[in-house]
């Protein structure tokens, strides 16, 4: 996340545009510059994390992708995905907790 293109350019294998949406993959360089890499790393490991995995076409396909068709609604727009989440360690729980296995989910715009 921290090393995304400051220009907002698409990373390798990602589309530069989808649907009618304005696409900006980058994170504002002035925000990044406010903190050191160590501070970013510490901050990002102290928040709950959700991982959602699906095929690229489920996100970006011009006809069926949920990003390309963000105004789509209803069950017809469900896209198969796997999700998992974890919570960071705390003083009372020194090891990362509540790591849940990947669960099948349906994503919608």
Foldseek 3Di string as FASTA:
>chain_A
DLPPDCQQADDPPADRDAAPDHGGNDDHPVVSVVDDPVVVVVVVLQAKDKDKDADNCCQGVRVQHCVNCVVDDDPVNWGWIWMWMWHHADPVRRHIDDTDGTDIDTDHD
